[in-house]
């Protein structure tokens, strides 16, 4: 999986039903009504790397990479 821009990841997270609960420095925190939470670092135009992206998809969003890749298209 290739790195993606933080803004694109945030748009996908919001389409999944998450809403922004706060911003702490450069980290945007999101929560879902079912209790899931995630944090996305936004450092200018620096993309979200492969490792962190995989962690967010698997642990925070609790979805398969295949389904996430479908949302990217």
Protein backbone atom coordinates (compact mmCIF):
# COMPACT_ATOMS: atom_id res chain seq x y z
CA UNK A 1 0.00 0.00 0.00
CA UNK A 2 1.38 3.39 -1.00
CA UNK A 3 1.43 6.40 1.35
CA UNK A 4 -1.56 8.74 0.96
CA UNK A 5 -2.08 12.40 1.84
CA UNK A 6 -3.51 13.03 5.32
CA UNK A 7 -6.41 15.07 3.90
CA UNK A 8 -7.47 12.16 1.69
CA UNK A 9 -7.38 9.79 4.68
CA UNK A 10 -9.49 12.23 6.70
CA UNK A 11 -12.11 12.37 3.93
CA UNK A 12 -12.33 8.56 3.89
CA UNK A 13 -12.57 8.42 7.69
CA UNK A 14 -15.42 10.93 7.63
CA UNK A 15 -17.30 8.96 4.95
CA UNK A 16 -17.11 5.94 7.29
CA UNK A 17 -19.13 7.87 9.90
CA UNK A 18 -16.32 9.24 12.07
CA UNK A 19 -16.50 12.85 13.23
CA UNK A 20 -13.73 15.13 14.40
CA UNK A 21 -13.73 15.50 18.17
CA UNK A 22 -10.67 17.71 18.62
CA UNK A 23 -7.30 18.83 17.30
CA UNK A 24 -4.22 18.55 19.48
CA UNK A 25 -1.30 20.26 17.77
CA UNK A 26 -1.00 18.63 14.36
CA UNK A 27 -3.07 15.56 15.32
CA UNK A 28 -6.72 15.39 14.34
CA UNK A 29 -8.77 13.08 16.59
CA UNK A 30 -11.86 11.31 15.28
CA UNK A 31 -14.55 9.21 16.95
CA UNK A 32 -17.27 6.92 15.61
CA UNK A 33 -20.69 6.53 17.28
CA UNK A 34 -19.87 2.84 17.93
CA UNK A 35 -16.85 3.79 20.08
CA UNK A 36 -13.96 3.45 17.62
CA UNK A 37 -11.39 6.27 17.72
CA UNK A 38 -8.41 7.25 15.62
CA UNK A 39 -5.85 10.01 15.30
CA UNK A 40 -4.41 11.36 12.05
CA UNK A 41 -1.20 13.43 12.05
CA UNK A 42 -1.30 16.30 9.56
CA UNK A 43 2.19 17.63 8.89
CA UNK A 44 1.84 19.90 5.90
CA UNK A 45 1.85 17.89 2.68
CA UNK A 46 3.72 14.94 4.22
CA UNK A 47 1.83 11.71 3.42
CA UNK A 48 0.72 9.10 5.92
CA UNK A 49 3.29 6.32 5.66
CA UNK A 50 2.63 2.66 4.96
CA UNK A 51 3.12 1.47 8.56
CA UNK A 52 0.91 4.06 10.24
CA UNK A 53 -1.72 3.73 7.52
CA UNK A 54 -1.86 -0.04 8.05
CA UNK A 55 -2.24 0.46 11.82
CA UNK A 56 -5.07 2.97 11.37
CA UNK A 57 -6.93 0.69 8.94
CA UNK A 58 -6.55 -2.51 10.97
CA UNK A 59 -6.60 -1.38 14.61
CA UNK A 60 -8.56 1.88 14.59
CA UNK A 61 -10.99 1.57 11.68
CA UNK A 62 -11.25 -2.23 12.13
CA UNK A 63 -11.55 -2.96 8.44
CA UNK A 64 -9.70 -4.99 5.85
CA UNK A 65 -7.13 -3.33 3.61
CA UNK A 66 -9.00 -4.57 0.54
CA UNK A 67 -12.17 -2.71 1.55
CA UNK A 68 -10.17 0.42 2.36
CA UNK A 69 -8.47 0.32 -1.05
CA UNK A 70 -11.91 0.23 -2.69
CA UNK A 71 -12.75 3.49 -0.89
CA UNK A 72 -9.55 5.08 -2.24
CA UNK A 73 -10.68 4.63 -5.84
